[in-house]
């Protein structure tokens, strides 16, 4: 079956200007953009959370090492 739709004809059969999109096409585009933005937001949230955890663990390890070094120096020096 041949496709009788042309690029200047809207889904409802009315003609439209070149480059214009229909409301249905816009809604589809809008939904796709929202899905992409949601995926980006989720990815960024995961990356930020991971980064914060890494920095938090690094600070704890650094403080723990300082305490350990101080304890060793105290016991060795006594």
PDB file of N, CA and C in Angstrom:
ATOM      1  N   UNK A   1       0.842  -1.177   0.000  1.00  0.00           N
ATOM      2  CA  UNK A   1       0.000   0.000   0.000  1.00  0.00           C
ATOM      3  C   UNK A   1       0.891   1.246   0.000  1.00  0.00           C
ATOM      4  N   UNK A   2       0.610   2.148  -0.833  1.00  0.00           N
ATOM      5  CA  UNK A   2       1.428   3.352  -0.986  1.00  0.00           C
ATOM      6  C   UNK A   2       1.122   4.349   0.122  1.00  0.00           C
ATOM      7  N   UNK A   3       2.152   5.081   0.517  1.00  0.00           N
ATOM      8  CA  UNK A   3       1.982   6.124   1.517  1.00  0.00           C
ATOM      9  C   UNK A   3       1.534   7.392   0.798  1.00  0.00           C
ATOM     10  N   UNK A   4       0.298   7.834   1.090  1.00  0.00           N
ATOM     11  CA  UNK A   4      -0.237   9.005   0.388  1.00  0.00           C
ATOM     12  C   UNK A   4       0.038  10.298   1.142  1.00  0.00           C
ATOM     13  N   UNK A   5       0.643  10.213   2.313  1.00  0.00           N
ATOM     14  CA  UNK A   5       0.947  11.390   3.127  1.00  0.00           C
ATOM     15  C   UNK A   5       2.147  12.114   2.547  1.00  0.00           C
ATOM     16  N   UNK A   6       2.099  13.420   2.475  1.00  0.00           N
ATOM     17  CA  UNK A   6       3.285  14.161   2.038  1.00  0.00           C
ATOM     18  C   UNK A   6       3.784  15.023   3.184  1.00  0.00           C
ATOM     19  N   UNK A   7       4.978  15.556   3.052  1.00  0.00           N
ATOM     20  CA  UNK A   7       5.616  16.270   4.162  1.00  0.00           C
ATOM     21  C   UNK A   7       4.909  17.559   4.558  1.00  0.00           C
ATOM     22  N   UNK A   8       4.046  18.072   3.725  1.00  0.00           N
ATOM     23  CA  UNK A   8       3.338  19.315   4.033  1.00  0.00           C
ATOM     24  C   UNK A   8       1.919  19.062   4.535  1.00  0.00           C
ATOM     25  N   UNK A   9       1.564  17.802   4.688  1.00  0.00           N
ATOM     26  CA  UNK A   9       0.217  17.472   5.116  1.00  0.00           C
ATOM     27  C   UNK A   9       0.251  16.996   6.564  1.00  0.00           C
ATOM     28  N   UNK A  10      -0.550  17.587   7.412  1.00  0.00           N
ATOM     29  CA  UNK A  10      -0.636  17.191   8.810  1.00  0.00           C
ATOM     30  C   UNK A  10      -1.373  15.856   8.906  1.00  0.00           C
ATOM     31  N   UNK A  11      -1.316  15.243  10.086  1.00  0.00           N
ATOM     32  CA  UNK A  11      -1.987  13.965  10.274  1.00  0.00           C
ATOM     33  C   UNK A  11      -3.493  14.075  10.072  1.00  0.00           C
ATOM     34  N   UNK A  12      -4.053  15.247  10.283  1.00  0.00           N
ATOM     35  CA  UNK A  12      -5.495  15.425  10.112  1.00  0.00           C
ATOM     36  C   UNK A  12      -5.868  15.777   8.665  1.00  0.00           C
ATOM     37  N   UNK A  13      -4.895  15.768   7.767  1.00  0.00           N
ATOM     38  CA  UNK A  13      -5.170  15.999   6.353  1.00  0.00           C
ATOM     39  C   UNK A  13      -5.056  17.444   5.917  1.00  0.00           C
ATOM     40  N   UNK A  14      -4.946  18.374   6.869  1.00  0.00           N
ATOM     41  CA  UNK A  14      -4.820  19.784   6.505  1.00  0.00           C
ATOM     42  C   UNK A  14      -3.381  20.080   6.084  1.00  0.00           C
ATOM     43  N   UNK A  15      -3.230  21.063   5.237  1.00  0.00           N
ATOM     44  CA  UNK A  15      -1.881  21.474   4.834  1.00  0.00           C
ATOM     45  C   UNK A  15      -1.252  22.311   5.934  1.00  0.00           C
ATOM     46  N   UNK A  16       0.052  22.261   6.011  1.00  0.00           N
ATOM     47  CA  UNK A  16       0.776  23.072   6.980  1.00  0.00           C
ATOM     48  C   UNK A  16       1.993  23.679   6.288  1.00  0.00           C
ATOM     49  N   UNK A  17       2.522  24.716   6.904  1.00  0.00           N
ATOM     50  CA  UNK A  17       3.693  25.374   6.331  1.00  0.00           C
ATOM     51  C   UNK A  17       4.902  24.466   6.454  1.00  0.00           C
ATOM     52  N   UNK A  18       5.845  24.646   5.550  1.00  0.00           N
ATOM     53  CA  UNK A  18       7.070  23.868   5.574  1.00  0.00           C
ATOM     54  C   UNK A  18       7.809  24.130   6.885  1.00  0.00           C
ATOM     55  N   UNK A  19       8.242  23.090   7.537  1.00  0.00           N
ATOM     56  CA  UNK A  19       8.976  23.213   8.786  1.00  0.00           C
ATOM     57  C   UNK A  19       8.095  23.249  10.019  1.00  0.00           C
ATOM     58  N   UNK A  20       6.808  23.383   9.862  1.00  0.00           N
ATOM     59  CA  UNK A  20       5.892  23.411  11.004  1.00  0.00           C
ATOM     60  C   UNK A  20       5.591  21.972  11.434  1.00  0.00           C
ATOM     61  N   UNK A  21       5.427  21.790  12.731  1.00  0.00           N
ATOM     62  CA  UNK A  21       5.080  20.461  13.242  1.00  0.00           C
ATOM     63  C   UNK A  21       3.679  20.505  13.833  1.00  0.00           C
ATOM     64  N   UNK A  22       3.068  19.353  13.902  1.00  0.00           N
ATOM     65  CA  UNK A  22       1.719  19.295  14.461  1.00  0.00           C
ATOM     66  C   UNK A  22       1.806  19.235  15.979  1.00  0.00           C
ATOM     67  N   UNK A  23       0.664  19.411  16.617  1.00  0.00           N
ATOM     68  CA  UNK A  23       0.602  19.336  18.072  1.00  0.00           C
ATOM     69  C   UNK A  23       0.969  17.928  18.549  1.00  0.00           C
ATOM     70  N   UNK A  24       0.544  16.918  17.810  1.00  0.00           N
ATOM     71  CA  UNK A  24       0.871  15.527  18.167  1.00  0.00           C
ATOM     72  C   UNK A  24       2.375  15.309  18.069  1.00  0.00           C
ATOM     73  N   UNK A  25       2.986  15.791  16.998  1.00  0.00           N
ATOM     74  CA  UNK A  25       4.435  15.661  16.839  1.00  0.00           C
ATOM     75  C   UNK A  25       5.172  16.382  17.963  1.00  0.00           C
ATOM     76  N   UNK A  26       4.662  17.554  18.338  1.00  0.00           N
ATOM     77  CA  UNK A  26       5.284  18.308  19.421  1.00  0.00           C
ATOM     78  C   UNK A  26       5.188  17.549  20.734  1.00  0.00           C
ATOM     79  N   UNK A  27       4.023  16.975  21.018  1.00  0.00           N
ATOM     80  CA  UNK A  27       3.834  16.212  22.263  1.00  0.00           C
ATOM     81  C   UNK A  27       4.767  15.004  22.311  1.00  0.00           C
ATOM     82  N   UNK A  28       4.938  14.328  21.194  1.00  0.00           N
ATOM     83  CA  UNK A  28       5.863  13.192  21.126  1.00  0.00           C
ATOM     84  C   UNK A  28       7.286  13.669  21.393  1.00  0.00           C
ATOM     85  N   UNK A  29       7.677  14.747  20.730  1.00  0.00           N
ATOM     86  CA  UNK A  29       9.001  15.333  20.933  1.00  0.00           C
ATOM     87  C   UNK A  29       9.201  15.745  22.387  1.00  0.00           C
ATOM     88  N   UNK A  30       8.181  16.400  22.959  1.00  0.00           N
ATOM     89  CA  UNK A  30       8.249  16.858  24.347  1.00  0.00           C
ATOM     90  C   UNK A  30       8.430  15.671  25.301  1.00  0.00           C
ATOM     91  N   UNK A  31       7.692  14.594  25.073  1.00  0.00           N
ATOM     92  CA  UNK A  31       7.799  13.400  25.912  1.00  0.00           C
ATOM     93  C   UNK A  31       9.202  12.788  25.806  1.00  0.00           C
ATOM     94  N   UNK A  32       9.738  12.726  24.592  1.00  0.00           N
ATOM     95  CA  UNK A  32      11.082  12.171  24.398  1.00  0.00           C
ATOM     96  C   UNK A  32      12.135  13.025  25.109  1.00  0.00           C
ATOM     97  N   UNK A  33      12.006  14.340  25.005  1.00  0.00           N
ATOM     98  CA  UNK A  33      12.949  15.253  25.668  1.00  0.00           C
ATOM     99  C   UNK A  33      12.871  15.082  27.178  1.00  0.00           C
ATOM    100  N   UNK A  34      11.659  14.946  27.710  1.00  0.00           N
ATOM    101  CA  UNK A  34      11.505  14.769  29.156  1.00  0.00           C
ATOM    102  C   UNK A  34      12.152  13.470  29.627  1.00  0.00           C
ATOM    103  N   UNK A  35      12.036  12.425  28.825  1.00  0.00           N
ATOM    104  CA  UNK A  35      12.657  11.146  29.175  1.00  0.00           C
ATOM    105  C   UNK A  35      14.180  11.269  29.180  1.00  0.00           C
ATOM    106  N   UNK A  36      14.715  11.979  28.196  1.00  0.00           N
ATOM    107  CA  UNK A  36      16.166  12.185  28.134  1.00  0.00           C
ATOM    108  C   UNK A  36      16.635  13.013  29.325  1.00  0.00           C
ATOM    109  N   UNK A  37      15.924  14.084  29.636  1.00  0.00           N
ATOM    110  CA  UNK A  37      16.296  14.927  30.775  1.00  0.00           C
ATOM    111  C   UNK A  37      16.221  14.150  32.089  1.00  0.00           C
ATOM    112  N   UNK A  38      15.218  13.298  32.238  1.00  0.00           N
ATOM    113  CA  UNK A  38      15.095  12.476  33.439  1.00  0.00           C
ATOM    114  C   UNK A  38      16.275  11.526  33.555  1.00  0.00           C
ATOM    115  N   UNK A  39      16.677  10.928  32.443  1.00  0.00           N
ATOM    116  CA  UNK A  39      17.821  10.020  32.450  1.00  0.00           C
ATOM    117  C   UNK A  39      19.107  10.759  32.820  1.00  0.00           C
ATOM    118  N   UNK A  40      19.277  11.964  32.293  1.00  0.00           N
ATOM    119  CA  UNK A  40      20.454  12.776  32.627  1.00  0.00           C
ATOM    120  C   UNK A  40      20.444  13.135  34.102  1.00  0.00           C
ATOM    121  N   UNK A  41      19.284  13.552  34.614  1.00  0.00           N
ATOM    122  CA  UNK A  41      19.170  13.921  36.021  1.00  0.00           C
ATOM    123  C   UNK A  41      19.489  12.731  36.928  1.00  0.00           C
ATOM    124  N   UNK A  42      18.985  11.560  36.595  1.00  0.00           N
ATOM    125  CA  UNK A  42      19.245  10.356  37.382  1.00  0.00           C
ATOM    126  C   UNK A  42      20.730  10.013  37.374  1.00  0.00           C
ATOM    127  N   UNK A  43      21.347  10.087  36.212  1.00  0.00           N
ATOM    128  CA  UNK A  43      22.781   9.793  36.092  1.00  0.00           C
ATOM    129  C   UNK A  43      23.608  10.776  36.902  1.00  0.00           C
ATOM    130  N   UNK A  44      23.288  12.066  36.803  1.00  0.00           N
ATOM    131  CA  UNK A  44      24.017  13.079  37.571  1.00  0.00           C
ATOM    132  C   UNK A  44      23.850  12.861  39.072  1.00  0.00           C
ATOM    133  N   UNK A  45      22.656  12.535  39.497  1.00  0.00           N
ATOM    134  CA  UNK A  45      22.417  12.297  40.925  1.00  0.00           C
ATOM    135  C   UNK A  45      23.256  11.120  41.428  1.00  0.00           C
ATOM    136  N   UNK A  46      23.339  10.063  40.630  1.00  0.00           N
ATOM    137  CA  UNK A  46      24.150   8.908  41.011  1.00  0.00           C
ATOM    138  C   UNK A  46      25.629   9.281  41.084  1.00  0.00           C
ATOM    139  N   UNK A  47      26.095  10.038  40.097  1.00  0.00           N
ATOM    140  CA  UNK A  47      27.507  10.435  40.068  1.00  0.00           C
ATOM    141  C   UNK A  47      27.854  11.344  41.237  1.00  0.00           C
ATOM    142  N   UNK A  48      26.986  12.291  41.535  1.00  0.00           N
ATOM    143  CA  UNK A  48      27.236  13.216  42.641  1.00  0.00           C
ATOM    144  C   UNK A  48      27.237  12.466  43.965  1.00  0.00           C
ATOM    145  N   UNK A  49      26.267  11.577  44.149  1.00  0.00           N
ATOM    146  CA  UNK A  49      26.189  10.781  45.379  1.00  0.00           C
ATOM    147  C   UNK A  49      27.442   9.935  45.540  1.00  0.00           C
ATOM    148  N   UNK A  50      27.877   9.305  44.467  1.00  0.00           N
ATOM    149  CA  UNK A  50      29.083   8.478  44.504  1.00  0.00           C
ATOM    150  C   UNK A  50      30.295   9.331  44.839  1.00  0.00           C
ATOM    151  N   UNK A  51      30.404  10.498  44.231  1.00  0.00           N
ATOM    152  CA  UNK A  51      31.533  11.389  44.463  1.00  0.00           C
ATOM    153  C   UNK A  51      31.577  11.844  45.918  1.00  0.00           C
ATOM    154  N   UNK A  52      30.416  12.184  46.478  1.00  0.00           N
ATOM    155  CA  UNK A  52      30.350  12.623  47.876  1.00  0.00           C
ATOM    156  C   UNK A  52      30.774  11.492  48.802  1.00  0.00           C
ATOM    157  N   UNK A  53      30.304  10.285  48.514  1.00  0.00           N
ATOM    158  CA  UNK A  53      30.682   9.127  49.339  1.00  0.00           C
ATOM    159  C   UNK A  53      32.186   8.886  49.282  1.00  0.00           C
ATOM    160  N   UNK A  54      32.767   8.997  48.118  1.00  0.00           N
ATOM    161  CA  UNK A  54      34.210   8.783  47.972  1.00  0.00           C
ATOM    162  C   UNK A  54      34.982   9.817  48.784  1.00  0.00           C
ATOM    163  N   UNK A  55      34.569  11.089  48.704  1.00  0.00           N
ATOM    164  CA  UNK A  55      35.246  12.130  49.483  1.00  0.00           C
ATOM    165  C   UNK A  55      35.073  11.898  50.980  1.00  0.00           C
ATOM    166  N   UNK A  56      33.885  11.483  51.401  1.00  0.00           N
ATOM    167  CA  UNK A  56      33.597  11.219  52.808  1.00  0.00           C
ATOM    168  C   UNK A  56      34.476  10.084  53.324  1.00  0.00           C
ATOM    169  N   UNK A  57      34.570   9.012  52.577  1.00  0.00           N
ATOM    170  CA  UNK A  57      35.406   7.870  52.970  1.00  0.00           C
ATOM    171  C   UNK A  57      36.875   8.288  53.001  1.00  0.00           C
ATOM    172  N   UNK A  58      37.307   9.080  52.036  1.00  0.00           N
ATOM    173  CA  UNK A  58      38.693   9.538  51.999  1.00  0.00           C
ATOM    174  C   UNK A  58      39.026  10.373  53.231  1.00  0.00           C
ATOM    175  N   UNK A  59      38.103  11.244  53.646  1.00  0.00           N
ATOM    176  CA  UNK A  59      38.337  12.062  54.839  1.00  0.00           C
ATOM    177  C   UNK A  59      38.419  11.191  56.088  1.00  0.00           C
ATOM    178  N   UNK A  60      37.544  10.206  56.189  1.00  0.00           N
ATOM    179  CA  UNK A  60      37.571   9.302  57.343  1.00  0.00           C
ATOM    180  C   UNK A  60      38.883   8.521  57.373  1.00  0.00           C
ATOM    181  N   UNK A  61      39.303   8.024  56.214  1.00  0.00           N
ATOM    182  CA  UNK A  61      40.560   7.283  56.153  1.00  0.00           C
ATOM    183  C   UNK A  61      41.741   8.177  56.520  1.00  0.00           C
ATOM    184  N   UNK A  62      41.717   9.405  56.022  1.00  0.00           N
ATOM    185  CA  UNK A  62      42.802  10.341  56.330  1.00  0.00           C
ATOM    186  C   UNK A  62      42.875  10.606  57.834  1.00  0.00           C
ATOM    187  N   UNK A  63      41.731  10.868  58.457  1.00  0.00           N
ATOM    188  CA  UNK A  63      41.710  11.118  59.898  1.00  0.00           C
ATOM    189  C   UNK A  63      42.126   9.875  60.671  1.00  0.00           C
ATOM    190  N   UNK A  64      41.679   8.716  60.206  1.00  0.00           N
ATOM    191  CA  UNK A  64      42.052   7.463  60.852  1.00  0.00           C
ATOM    192  C   UNK A  64      43.541   7.210  60.767  1.00  0.00           C
ATOM    193  N   UNK A  65      44.125   7.499  59.618  1.00  0.00           N
ATOM    194  CA  UNK A  65      45.572   7.317  59.449  1.00  0.00           C
ATOM    195  C   UNK A  65      46.346   8.278  60.336  1.00  0.00           C
ATOM    196  N   UNK A  66      45.864   9.507  60.437  1.00  0.00           N
ATOM    197  CA  UNK A  66      46.532  10.490  61.307  1.00  0.00           C
ATOM    198  C   UNK A  66      46.500  10.001  62.753  1.00  0.00           C
ATOM    199  N   UNK A  67      45.335   9.511  63.198  1.00  0.00           N
ATOM    200  CA  UNK A  67      45.231   8.988  64.563  1.00  0.00           C
ATOM    201  C   UNK A  67      46.144   7.784  64.760  1.00  0.00           C
ATOM    202  N   UNK A  68      46.206   6.916  63.765  1.00  0.00           N
ATOM    203  CA  UNK A  68      47.068   5.726  63.850  1.00  0.00           C
ATOM    204  C   UNK A  68      48.536   6.122  63.930  1.00  0.00           C
ATOM    205  N   UNK A  69      48.954   7.048  63.089  1.00  0.00           N
ATOM    206  CA  UNK A  69      50.343   7.515  63.102  1.00  0.00           C
ATOM    207  C   UNK A  69      50.671   8.156  64.453  1.00  0.00           C
ATOM    208  N   UNK A  70      49.758   8.980  64.957  1.00  0.00           N
ATOM    209  CA  UNK A  70      49.973   9.613  66.261  1.00  0.00           C
ATOM    210  C   UNK A  70      50.085   8.569  67.367  1.00  0.00           C
ATOM    211  N   UNK A  71      49.242   7.548  67.310  1.00  0.00           N
ATOM    212  CA  UNK A  71      49.287   6.495  68.330  1.00  0.00           C
ATOM    213  C   UNK A  71      50.604   5.726  68.260  1.00  0.00           C
ATOM    214  N   UNK A  72      51.058   5.433  67.048  1.00  0.00           N
ATOM    215  CA  UNK A  72      52.321   4.696  66.890  1.00  0.00           C
ATOM    216  C   UNK A  72      53.470   5.564  67.400  1.00  0.00           C
ATOM    217  N   UNK A  73      53.477   6.832  67.046  1.00  0.00           N
ATOM    218  CA  UNK A  73      54.533   7.728  67.515  1.00  0.00           C
ATOM    219  C   UNK A  73      54.517   7.840  69.040  1.00  0.00           C
ATOM    220  N   UNK A  74      53.355   7.891  69.624  1.00  0.00           N
ATOM    221  CA  UNK A  74      53.234   7.994  71.080  1.00  0.00           C
ATOM    222  C   UNK A  74      53.809   6.746  71.744  1.00  0.00           C
ATOM    223  N   UNK A  75      53.466   5.551  71.217  1.00  0.00           N
ATOM    224  CA  UNK A  75      53.930   4.302  71.817  1.00  0.00           C
ATOM    225  C   UNK A  75      55.403   4.052  71.553  1.00  0.00           C
ATOM    226  N   UNK A  76      55.862   4.432  70.382  1.00  0.00           N
ATOM    227  CA  UNK A  76      57.277   4.243  70.068  1.00  0.00           C
ATOM    228  C   UNK A  76      58.125   5.242  70.869  1.00  0.00           C
ATOM    229  N   UNK A  77      57.605   6.428  71.008  1.00  0.00           N
ATOM    230  CA  UNK A  77      58.339   7.473  71.715  1.00  0.00           C
ATOM    231  C   UNK A  77      58.353   7.256  73.215  1.00  0.00           C
ATOM    232  N   UNK A  78      57.444   6.432  73.776  1.00  0.00           N
ATOM    233  CA  UNK A  78      57.413   6.269  75.222  1.00  0.00           C
ATOM    234  C   UNK A  78      58.465   5.335  75.724  1.00  0.00           C
TER     235      UNK A  78
END
